[in-house]
N, C-alpha and C. Protein backbone atom coordinates (compact mmCIF):
# COMPACT_ATOMS: atom_id res chain seq x y z
N UNK A 1 9.93 -2.48 -21.87
CA UNK A 1 8.10 -1.74 -22.05
C UNK A 1 7.80 -2.42 -21.00
N UNK A 2 6.75 -2.38 -20.59
CA UNK A 2 5.97 -2.89 -19.40
C UNK A 2 5.31 -3.60 -19.58
N UNK A 3 4.33 -4.30 -18.45
CA UNK A 3 3.36 -4.82 -18.48
C UNK A 3 2.64 -5.11 -19.04
N UNK A 4 2.12 -5.61 -19.92
CA UNK A 4 0.94 -5.39 -20.16
C UNK A 4 -0.82 -5.14 -19.72
N UNK A 5 -0.33 -6.11 -18.60
CA UNK A 5 -1.66 -6.61 -17.18
C UNK A 5 -1.60 -5.89 -17.27
N UNK A 6 -0.67 -4.63 -16.76
CA UNK A 6 -0.25 -3.87 -15.80
C UNK A 6 -0.46 -4.14 -13.74
N UNK A 7 0.75 -5.27 -14.54
CA UNK A 7 0.61 -6.00 -13.40
C UNK A 7 2.56 -5.06 -12.59
N UNK A 8 2.77 -4.85 -13.01
CA UNK A 8 4.48 -4.14 -12.65
C UNK A 8 4.44 -3.96 -11.75
N UNK A 9 5.54 -4.83 -11.46
CA UNK A 9 5.96 -4.16 -9.59
C UNK A 9 4.63 -4.39 -8.79
N UNK A 10 3.64 -5.84 -8.71
CA UNK A 10 2.50 -6.31 -8.21
C UNK A 10 2.78 -6.05 -6.90
N UNK A 11 4.42 -7.09 -6.51
CA UNK A 11 4.64 -7.63 -5.14
C UNK A 11 5.30 -6.75 -4.45
N UNK A 12 5.60 -5.36 -4.74
CA UNK A 12 6.39 -4.46 -4.24
C UNK A 12 5.54 -3.77 -3.15
N UNK A 13 6.32 -4.25 -1.80
CA UNK A 13 5.90 -3.88 -0.55
C UNK A 13 5.50 -1.59 -1.17
N UNK A 14 4.16 -1.33 -0.68
CA UNK A 14 4.52 0.26 -0.56
C UNK A 14 3.95 0.38 0.60
N UNK A 15 3.07 -0.24 1.12
CA UNK A 15 3.33 0.30 2.81
C UNK A 15 3.60 -1.11 3.90
N UNK A 16 4.72 -0.65 4.68
CA UNK A 16 5.46 -1.74 4.74
C UNK A 16 4.09 -1.93 6.39
N UNK A 17 3.60 -1.74 6.95
CA UNK A 17 3.32 -1.69 8.37
C UNK A 17 2.03 -2.93 8.32
N UNK A 18 1.55 -2.52 7.70
CA UNK A 18 0.04 -3.49 7.23
C UNK A 18 0.83 -4.31 6.37
N UNK A 19 1.88 -4.42 5.65
CA UNK A 19 1.79 -5.17 4.71
C UNK A 19 0.72 -5.34 3.36
N UNK A 20 1.02 -4.31 2.34
CA UNK A 20 0.12 -3.38 1.59
C UNK A 20 0.77 -3.93 0.48
N UNK A 21 0.41 -4.06 -1.13
CA UNK A 21 1.25 -3.98 -1.48
C UNK A 21 0.43 -3.19 -3.11
N UNK A 22 1.99 -2.28 -4.09
CA UNK A 22 1.34 -2.87 -5.14
C UNK A 22 -0.32 -3.47 -5.83
N UNK A 23 0.17 -4.20 -5.76
CA UNK A 23 -1.14 -5.80 -6.51
C UNK A 23 -2.22 -5.23 -5.58
N UNK A 24 -2.41 -5.61 -4.24
CA UNK A 24 -2.92 -4.75 -2.72
C UNK A 24 -4.35 -4.11 -3.36
N UNK A 25 -3.24 -2.47 -3.27
CA UNK A 25 -3.98 -1.57 -4.07
C UNK A 25 -4.46 -0.85 -5.36
N UNK A 26 -3.71 -1.31 -6.12
CA UNK A 26 -4.57 -1.79 -7.53
C UNK A 26 -5.96 -2.03 -7.68
N UNK A 27 -6.34 -3.50 -7.00
CA UNK A 27 -7.30 -4.52 -6.52
C UNK A 27 -8.52 -3.68 -5.83
N UNK A 28 -7.91 -3.58 -4.72
CA UNK A 28 -8.99 -2.69 -4.23
C UNK A 28 -9.89 -1.17 -4.80
N UNK A 29 -8.59 0.04 -5.40
CA UNK A 29 -9.74 0.34 -7.09
C UNK A 29 -9.31 -0.49 -7.64
N UNK A 30 -9.86 -0.94 -7.89
CA UNK A 30 -10.15 -1.78 -9.34
C UNK A 30 -11.78 -1.86 -8.63
N UNK A 31 -11.96 -2.40 -7.45
CA UNK A 31 -12.44 -3.46 -6.88
C UNK A 31 -14.80 -2.16 -5.92
N UNK A 32 -13.21 -1.17 -5.30
CA UNK A 32 -14.14 0.77 -5.33
C UNK A 32 -13.79 1.33 -5.70
N UNK A 33 -13.64 1.71 -6.77
CA UNK A 33 -13.50 2.54 -7.63
C UNK A 33 -12.57 3.90 -6.79
N UNK A 34 -11.80 3.78 -5.29
CA UNK A 34 -11.10 4.70 -4.31
C UNK A 34 -10.26 3.16 -4.05
N UNK A 35 -9.49 4.36 -3.21
CA UNK A 35 -8.59 3.21 -2.03
C UNK A 35 -8.78 3.53 -0.63
N UNK A 36 -10.21 1.99 -0.72
CA UNK A 36 -10.07 2.34 1.24
C UNK A 36 -8.95 1.85 1.94
N UNK A 37 -7.57 0.64 1.07
CA UNK A 37 -6.42 0.89 1.73
C UNK A 37 -5.82 2.97 2.20
N UNK A 38 -6.05 3.27 1.47
CA UNK A 38 -5.30 4.16 2.18
C UNK A 38 -6.41 4.97 3.14
N UNK A 39 -7.50 5.32 2.69
CA UNK A 39 -8.13 5.29 4.24
C UNK A 39 -7.31 4.52 5.78
N UNK A 40 -7.26 3.99 5.03
CA UNK A 40 -7.28 2.71 6.71
C UNK A 40 -5.82 3.07 7.00
N UNK A 41 -5.46 3.39 6.42
CA UNK A 41 -3.33 2.92 6.31
C UNK A 41 -3.76 5.02 7.26
N UNK A 42 -4.18 6.32 6.28
CA UNK A 42 -3.73 6.90 7.17
C UNK A 42 -4.95 7.23 8.55
N UNK A 43 -6.12 6.73 9.72
CA UNK A 43 -6.35 6.41 9.67
C UNK A 43 -5.73 5.70 11.05
N UNK A 44 -5.34 4.08 11.21
CA UNK A 44 -3.72 4.44 11.57
C UNK A 44 -2.73 4.83 11.92
N UNK A 45 -2.82 5.93 10.94
CA UNK A 45 -1.17 6.64 11.58
C UNK A 45 -1.99 7.46 12.27
N UNK A 46 -3.10 8.47 12.34
CA UNK A 46 -4.09 9.28 12.92
C UNK A 46 -3.60 8.45 14.09
N UNK A 47 -4.14 7.28 14.84
CA UNK A 47 -4.33 6.59 15.74
C UNK A 47 -3.02 6.26 15.98
N UNK A 48 -1.73 6.17 15.87
CA UNK A 48 -0.19 6.27 15.89
C UNK A 48 -0.05 4.58 15.73
N UNK A 49 -0.74 3.74 15.46
CA UNK A 49 -0.63 2.81 15.18
C UNK A 49 0.60 2.11 13.73
N UNK A 50 1.03 3.23 12.96
CA UNK A 50 1.70 3.30 12.59
C UNK A 50 3.74 3.41 12.37
N UNK A 51 4.29 2.24 12.11
CA UNK A 51 5.39 2.34 12.73
C UNK A 51 6.69 1.92 10.66
N UNK A 52 6.00 2.84 10.41
CA UNK A 52 6.73 3.47 8.98
C UNK A 52 8.47 3.75 9.70
N UNK A 53 9.21 4.52 9.95
CA UNK A 53 9.89 5.05 10.95
C UNK A 53 11.02 3.40 11.11
N UNK A 54 10.28 2.08 12.13
CA UNK A 54 11.09 1.30 12.05
C UNK A 54 11.49 -0.14 11.11
N UNK A 55 9.86 0.04 9.70
CA UNK A 55 9.03 -1.18 9.42
C UNK A 55 9.90 -1.26 8.21
N UNK A 56 9.58 0.30 7.74
CA UNK A 56 10.45 0.92 6.02
C UNK A 56 12.22 0.91 5.89
N UNK A 57 11.96 0.60 5.55
CA UNK A 57 14.14 0.63 4.95
C UNK A 57 14.30 1.59 4.88
N UNK A 58 13.73 2.39 4.59
CA UNK A 58 14.52 3.79 4.38
C UNK A 58 14.23 4.69 5.70
N UNK A 59 12.72 4.82 6.63
CA UNK A 59 12.51 4.18 8.24
C UNK A 59 11.71 5.65 6.81
N UNK A 60 11.04 5.58 6.42
CA UNK A 60 9.69 6.97 6.37
C UNK A 60 8.43 5.74 6.08
């Protein structure tokens, strides 16, 4: 059974380029009602500042 606080996997990195964890994103949504992190990551990707192919363990 999962953690009743909803913090399962909060330390898991979701974005290796900018070091955002599952917990960072969860907190961002709690504070803002949506993910400002996702918006920033998408913008960085459009600007060519994303390095997922080299930083993510699975190259994505």
